[in-house]
Amino acid sequence: MDYKYTAGALFSGIGGFCLGFHRAGIKTSWAIEHDQYAVKTYTHNIKDVRIIEDDIKTVHVSSN
């Protein structure tokens, strides 16, 4: 699938919005979720997305 847009997901949960984005032609590049069980479900539901299992307050961005 060719994607016109890409997105990142904060508070991604089990990936419902990311699945909807995918079906609308939007690729999710990364996701952040703190709950370990939600992350496990997310990785089962959605492949090829970098998911960060951490508290949003401790995640830092680098612009390389």
PDB file of N, CA and C in Angstrom:
ATOM      1  N   MET A   1       0.845  -1.187   0.000  1.00  0.00           N
ATOM      2  CA  MET A   1       0.000   0.000   0.000  1.00  0.00           C
ATOM      3  C   MET A   1       0.884   1.241   0.000  1.00  0.00           C
ATOM      4  N   ASP A   2       0.590   2.173  -0.862  1.00  0.00           N
ATOM      5  CA  ASP A   2       1.284   3.454  -0.885  1.00  0.00           C
ATOM      6  C   ASP A   2       0.599   4.414   0.075  1.00  0.00           C
ATOM      7  N   TYR A   3       1.379   5.004   0.969  1.00  0.00           N
ATOM      8  CA  TYR A   3       0.826   5.919   1.959  1.00  0.00           C
ATOM      9  C   TYR A   3       1.108   7.360   1.564  1.00  0.00           C
ATOM     10  N   LYS A   4       0.088   8.186   1.596  1.00  0.00           N
ATOM     11  CA  LYS A   4       0.257   9.609   1.328  1.00  0.00           C
ATOM     12  C   LYS A   4       0.668  10.345   2.609  1.00  0.00           C
ATOM     13  N   TYR A   5       0.175   9.858   3.743  1.00  0.00           N
ATOM     14  CA  TYR A   5       0.440  10.494   5.033  1.00  0.00           C
ATOM     15  C   TYR A   5       1.018   9.477   6.003  1.00  0.00           C
ATOM     16  N   THR A   6       1.769   9.981   7.000  1.00  0.00           N
ATOM     17  CA  THR A   6       2.231   9.154   8.104  1.00  0.00           C
ATOM     18  C   THR A   6       1.853   9.842   9.408  1.00  0.00           C
ATOM     19  N   ALA A   7       1.737   9.055  10.463  1.00  0.00           N
ATOM     20  CA  ALA A   7       1.320   9.587  11.761  1.00  0.00           C
ATOM     21  C   ALA A   7       2.085   8.887  12.873  1.00  0.00           C
ATOM     22  N   GLY A   8       2.086   9.509  14.022  1.00  0.00           N
ATOM     23  CA  GLY A   8       2.564   8.906  15.249  1.00  0.00           C
ATOM     24  C   GLY A   8       1.383   8.818  16.206  1.00  0.00           C
ATOM     25  N   ALA A   9       1.409   7.873  17.130  1.00  0.00           N
ATOM     26  CA  ALA A   9       0.273   7.667  18.022  1.00  0.00           C
ATOM     27  C   ALA A   9       0.686   7.818  19.476  1.00  0.00           C
ATOM     28  N   LEU A  10       0.086   8.777  20.156  1.00  0.00           N
ATOM     29  CA  LEU A  10       0.271   8.932  21.602  1.00  0.00           C
ATOM     30  C   LEU A  10      -0.877   8.240  22.306  1.00  0.00           C
ATOM     31  N   PHE A  11      -0.602   7.616  23.441  1.00  0.00           N
ATOM     32  CA  PHE A  11      -1.641   6.910  24.199  1.00  0.00           C
ATOM     33  C   PHE A  11      -2.356   5.925  23.276  1.00  0.00           C
ATOM     34  N   SER A  12      -1.584   5.076  22.611  1.00  0.00           N
ATOM     35  CA  SER A  12      -2.084   4.263  21.501  1.00  0.00           C
ATOM     36  C   SER A  12      -2.999   3.112  21.895  1.00  0.00           C
ATOM     37  N   GLY A  13      -2.991   2.721  23.168  1.00  0.00           N
ATOM     38  CA  GLY A  13      -3.875   1.637  23.588  1.00  0.00           C
ATOM     39  C   GLY A  13      -3.606   0.366  22.808  1.00  0.00           C
ATOM     40  N   ILE A  14      -4.671  -0.295  22.364  1.00  0.00           N
ATOM     41  CA  ILE A  14      -4.513  -1.552  21.630  1.00  0.00           C
ATOM     42  C   ILE A  14      -4.444  -1.336  20.125  1.00  0.00           C
ATOM     43  N   GLY A  15      -4.473  -0.077  19.685  1.00  0.00           N
ATOM     44  CA  GLY A  15      -4.248   0.213  18.277  1.00  0.00           C
ATOM     45  C   GLY A  15      -5.478   0.473  17.430  1.00  0.00           C
ATOM     46  N   GLY A  16      -6.614   0.716  18.029  1.00  0.00           N
ATOM     47  CA  GLY A  16      -7.841   0.942  17.269  1.00  0.00           C
ATOM     48  C   GLY A  16      -7.748   2.105  16.292  1.00  0.00           C
ATOM     49  N   PHE A  17      -7.234   3.241  16.754  1.00  0.00           N
ATOM     50  CA  PHE A  17      -7.097   4.392  15.865  1.00  0.00           C
ATOM     51  C   PHE A  17      -6.072   4.106  14.768  1.00  0.00           C
ATOM     52  N   CYS A  18      -4.992   3.417  15.126  1.00  0.00           N
ATOM     53  CA  CYS A  18      -3.961   3.102  14.133  1.00  0.00           C
ATOM     54  C   CYS A  18      -4.508   2.189  13.043  1.00  0.00           C
ATOM     55  N   LEU A  19      -5.342   1.224  13.415  1.00  0.00           N
ATOM     56  CA  LEU A  19      -5.982   0.370  12.415  1.00  0.00           C
ATOM     57  C   LEU A  19      -6.887   1.188  11.508  1.00  0.00           C
ATOM     58  N   GLY A  20      -7.625   2.122  12.094  1.00  0.00           N
ATOM     59  CA  GLY A  20      -8.483   2.999  11.296  1.00  0.00           C
ATOM     60  C   GLY A  20      -7.672   3.873  10.358  1.00  0.00           C
ATOM     61  N   PHE A  21      -6.562   4.417  10.854  1.00  0.00           N
ATOM     62  CA  PHE A  21      -5.678   5.203  10.004  1.00  0.00           C
ATOM     63  C   PHE A  21      -5.153   4.362   8.838  1.00  0.00           C
ATOM     64  N   HIS A  22      -4.726   3.138   9.145  1.00  0.00           N
ATOM     65  CA  HIS A  22      -4.210   2.245   8.106  1.00  0.00           C
ATOM     66  C   HIS A  22      -5.259   2.019   7.018  1.00  0.00           C
ATOM     67  N   ARG A  23      -6.466   1.768   7.428  1.00  0.00           N
ATOM     68  CA  ARG A  23      -7.548   1.537   6.460  1.00  0.00           C
ATOM     69  C   ARG A  23      -7.876   2.788   5.653  1.00  0.00           C
ATOM     70  N   ALA A  24      -7.529   3.957   6.210  1.00  0.00           N
ATOM     71  CA  ALA A  24      -7.750   5.223   5.495  1.00  0.00           C
ATOM     72  C   ALA A  24      -6.523   5.637   4.680  1.00  0.00           C
ATOM     73  N   GLY A  25      -5.477   4.786   4.669  1.00  0.00           N
ATOM     74  CA  GLY A  25      -4.289   5.078   3.885  1.00  0.00           C
ATOM     75  C   GLY A  25      -3.241   5.903   4.604  1.00  0.00           C
ATOM     76  N   ILE A  26      -3.284   5.910   5.933  1.00  0.00           N
ATOM     77  CA  ILE A  26      -2.312   6.657   6.735  1.00  0.00           C
ATOM     78  C   ILE A  26      -1.445   5.654   7.500  1.00  0.00           C
ATOM     79  N   LYS A  27      -0.132   5.722   7.298  1.00  0.00           N
ATOM     80  CA  LYS A  27       0.786   4.804   7.972  1.00  0.00           C
ATOM     81  C   LYS A  27       1.171   5.349   9.340  1.00  0.00           C
ATOM     82  N   THR A  28       1.119   4.503  10.347  1.00  0.00           N
ATOM     83  CA  THR A  28       1.601   4.862  11.679  1.00  0.00           C
ATOM     84  C   THR A  28       3.075   4.486  11.758  1.00  0.00           C
ATOM     85  N   SER A  29       3.927   5.466  12.027  1.00  0.00           N
ATOM     86  CA  SER A  29       5.367   5.225  12.108  1.00  0.00           C
ATOM     87  C   SER A  29       5.796   4.751  13.492  1.00  0.00           C
ATOM     88  N   TRP A  30       5.168   5.308  14.527  1.00  0.00           N
ATOM     89  CA  TRP A  30       5.518   4.960  15.898  1.00  0.00           C
ATOM     90  C   TRP A  30       4.305   5.143  16.793  1.00  0.00           C
ATOM     91  N   ALA A  31       4.359   4.495  17.942  1.00  0.00           N
ATOM     92  CA  ALA A  31       3.274   4.587  18.916  1.00  0.00           C
ATOM     93  C   ALA A  31       3.879   4.538  20.316  1.00  0.00           C
ATOM     94  N   ILE A  32       3.197   5.195  21.249  1.00  0.00           N
ATOM     95  CA  ILE A  32       3.624   5.181  22.647  1.00  0.00           C
ATOM     96  C   ILE A  32       2.443   4.723  23.507  1.00  0.00           C
ATOM     97  N   GLU A  33       2.710   3.757  24.360  1.00  0.00           N
ATOM     98  CA  GLU A  33       1.694   3.257  25.289  1.00  0.00           C
ATOM     99  C   GLU A  33       2.406   2.786  26.553  1.00  0.00           C
ATOM    100  N   HIS A  34       1.849   3.097  27.698  1.00  0.00           N
ATOM    101  CA  HIS A  34       2.465   2.760  28.979  1.00  0.00           C
ATOM    102  C   HIS A  34       2.006   1.406  29.512  1.00  0.00           C
ATOM    103  N   ASP A  35       0.800   0.998  29.218  1.00  0.00           N
ATOM    104  CA  ASP A  35       0.232  -0.235  29.760  1.00  0.00           C
ATOM    105  C   ASP A  35       0.796  -1.462  29.033  1.00  0.00           C
ATOM    106  N   GLN A  36       1.440  -2.349  29.787  1.00  0.00           N
ATOM    107  CA  GLN A  36       2.108  -3.500  29.180  1.00  0.00           C
ATOM    108  C   GLN A  36       1.138  -4.441  28.471  1.00  0.00           C
ATOM    109  N   TYR A  37      -0.079  -4.583  28.980  1.00  0.00           N
ATOM    110  CA  TYR A  37      -1.048  -5.476  28.352  1.00  0.00           C
ATOM    111  C   TYR A  37      -1.590  -4.873  27.056  1.00  0.00           C
ATOM    112  N   ALA A  38      -1.772  -3.561  27.039  1.00  0.00           N
ATOM    113  CA  ALA A  38      -2.192  -2.892  25.808  1.00  0.00           C
ATOM    114  C   ALA A  38      -1.093  -3.007  24.752  1.00  0.00           C
ATOM    115  N   VAL A  39       0.165  -2.875  25.149  1.00  0.00           N
ATOM    116  CA  VAL A  39       1.281  -3.001  24.215  1.00  0.00           C
ATOM    117  C   VAL A  39       1.319  -4.407  23.621  1.00  0.00           C
ATOM    118  N   LYS A  40       1.098  -5.392  24.446  1.00  0.00           N
ATOM    119  CA  LYS A  40       1.093  -6.782  23.960  1.00  0.00           C
ATOM    120  C   LYS A  40      -0.013  -6.969  22.919  1.00  0.00           C
ATOM    121  N   THR A  41      -1.193  -6.442  23.190  1.00  0.00           N
ATOM    122  CA  THR A  41      -2.296  -6.545  22.243  1.00  0.00           C
ATOM    123  C   THR A  41      -2.011  -5.736  20.987  1.00  0.00           C
ATOM    124  N   TYR A  42      -1.457  -4.539  21.149  1.00  0.00           N
ATOM    125  CA  TYR A  42      -1.120  -3.686  20.008  1.00  0.00           C
ATOM    126  C   TYR A  42      -0.176  -4.420  19.061  1.00  0.00           C
ATOM    127  N   THR A  43       0.899  -5.002  19.614  1.00  0.00           N
ATOM    128  CA  THR A  43       1.877  -5.686  18.762  1.00  0.00           C
ATOM    129  C   THR A  43       1.283  -6.925  18.098  1.00  0.00           C
ATOM    130  N   HIS A  44       0.263  -7.510  18.708  1.00  0.00           N
ATOM    131  CA  HIS A  44      -0.433  -8.635  18.067  1.00  0.00           C
ATOM    132  C   HIS A  44      -1.312  -8.135  16.923  1.00  0.00           C
ATOM    133  N   ASN A  45      -1.992  -7.012  17.139  1.00  0.00           N
ATOM    134  CA  ASN A  45      -2.916  -6.469  16.143  1.00  0.00           C
ATOM    135  C   ASN A  45      -2.220  -5.759  14.986  1.00  0.00           C
ATOM    136  N   ILE A  46      -1.112  -5.094  15.260  1.00  0.00           N
ATOM    137  CA  ILE A  46      -0.469  -4.230  14.271  1.00  0.00           C
ATOM    138  C   ILE A  46       0.998  -4.587  14.164  1.00  0.00           C
ATOM    139  N   LYS A  47       1.431  -4.850  12.954  1.00  0.00           N
ATOM    140  CA  LYS A  47       2.836  -5.188  12.695  1.00  0.00           C
ATOM    141  C   LYS A  47       3.531  -3.974  12.077  1.00  0.00           C
ATOM    142  N   ASP A  48       4.831  -3.974  12.111  1.00  0.00           N
ATOM    143  CA  ASP A  48       5.660  -2.965  11.443  1.00  0.00           C
ATOM    144  C   ASP A  48       5.469  -1.549  11.970  1.00  0.00           C
ATOM    145  N   VAL A  49       5.129  -1.416  13.237  1.00  0.00           N
ATOM    146  CA  VAL A  49       5.057  -0.097  13.871  1.00  0.00           C
ATOM    147  C   VAL A  49       5.977  -0.151  15.090  1.00  0.00           C
ATOM    148  N   ARG A  50       6.833   0.844  15.214  1.00  0.00           N
ATOM    149  CA  ARG A  50       7.702   0.919  16.392  1.00  0.00           C
ATOM    150  C   ARG A  50       6.854   1.381  17.569  1.00  0.00           C
ATOM    151  N   ILE A  51       6.664   0.510  18.560  1.00  0.00           N
ATOM    152  CA  ILE A  51       5.884   0.889  19.741  1.00  0.00           C
ATOM    153  C   ILE A  51       6.837   1.046  20.919  1.00  0.00           C
ATOM    154  N   ILE A  52       6.688   2.154  21.611  1.00  0.00           N
ATOM    155  CA  ILE A  52       7.505   2.469  22.769  1.00  0.00           C
ATOM    156  C   ILE A  52       6.655   2.229  24.004  1.00  0.00           C
ATOM    157  N   GLU A  53       7.086   1.294  24.833  1.00  0.00           N
ATOM    158  CA  GLU A  53       6.358   0.984  26.065  1.00  0.00           C
ATOM    159  C   GLU A  53       6.992   1.788  27.190  1.00  0.00           C
ATOM    160  N   ASP A  54       6.434   2.982  27.427  1.00  0.00           N
ATOM    161  CA  ASP A  54       7.018   3.875  28.425  1.00  0.00           C
ATOM    162  C   ASP A  54       6.002   4.952  28.787  1.00  0.00           C
ATOM    163  N   ASP A  55       6.284   5.665  29.844  1.00  0.00           N
ATOM    164  CA  ASP A  55       5.456   6.786  30.267  1.00  0.00           C
ATOM    165  C   ASP A  55       5.732   7.976  29.345  1.00  0.00           C
ATOM    166  N   ILE A  56       4.705   8.600  28.847  1.00  0.00           N
ATOM    167  CA  ILE A  56       4.838   9.717  27.906  1.00  0.00           C
ATOM    168  C   ILE A  56       5.697  10.844  28.483  1.00  0.00           C
ATOM    169  N   LYS A  57       5.704  10.978  29.801  1.00  0.00           N
ATOM    170  CA  LYS A  57       6.474  12.046  30.443  1.00  0.00           C
ATOM    171  C   LYS A  57       7.982  11.805  30.398  1.00  0.00           C
ATOM    172  N   THR A  58       8.396  10.577  30.103  1.00  0.00           N
ATOM    173  CA  THR A  58       9.827  10.263  30.092  1.00  0.00           C
ATOM    174  C   THR A  58      10.385  10.072  28.685  1.00  0.00           C
ATOM    175  N   VAL A  59       9.556  10.142  27.680  1.00  0.00           N
ATOM    176  CA  VAL A  59      10.001   9.940  26.299  1.00  0.00           C
ATOM    177  C   VAL A  59      10.529  11.259  25.745  1.00  0.00           C
ATOM    178  N   HIS A  60      11.707  11.195  25.131  1.00  0.00           N
ATOM    179  CA  HIS A  60      12.326  12.380  24.539  1.00  0.00           C
ATOM    180  C   HIS A  60      12.522  12.153  23.046  1.00  0.00           C
ATOM    181  N   VAL A  61      12.453  13.234  22.306  1.00  0.00           N
ATOM    182  CA  VAL A  61      12.578  13.164  20.851  1.00  0.00           C
ATOM    183  C   VAL A  61      13.943  13.676  20.429  1.00  0.00           C
ATOM    184  N   SER A  62      14.513  13.032  19.450  1.00  0.00           N
ATOM    185  CA  SER A  62      15.778  13.467  18.885  1.00  0.00           C
ATOM    186  C   SER A  62      15.566  13.760  17.416  1.00  0.00           C
ATOM    187  N   SER A  63      16.065  14.882  16.962  1.00  0.00           N
ATOM    188  CA  SER A  63      15.918  15.237  15.548  1.00  0.00           C
ATOM    189  C   SER A  63      17.257  15.037  14.848  1.00  0.00           C
ATOM    190  N   ASN A  64      17.502  13.831  14.433  1.00  0.00           N
ATOM    191  CA  ASN A  64      18.769  13.491  13.751  1.00  0.00           C
ATOM    192  C   ASN A  64      18.634  13.705  12.276  1.00  0.00           C
TER     193      ASN A  64
END
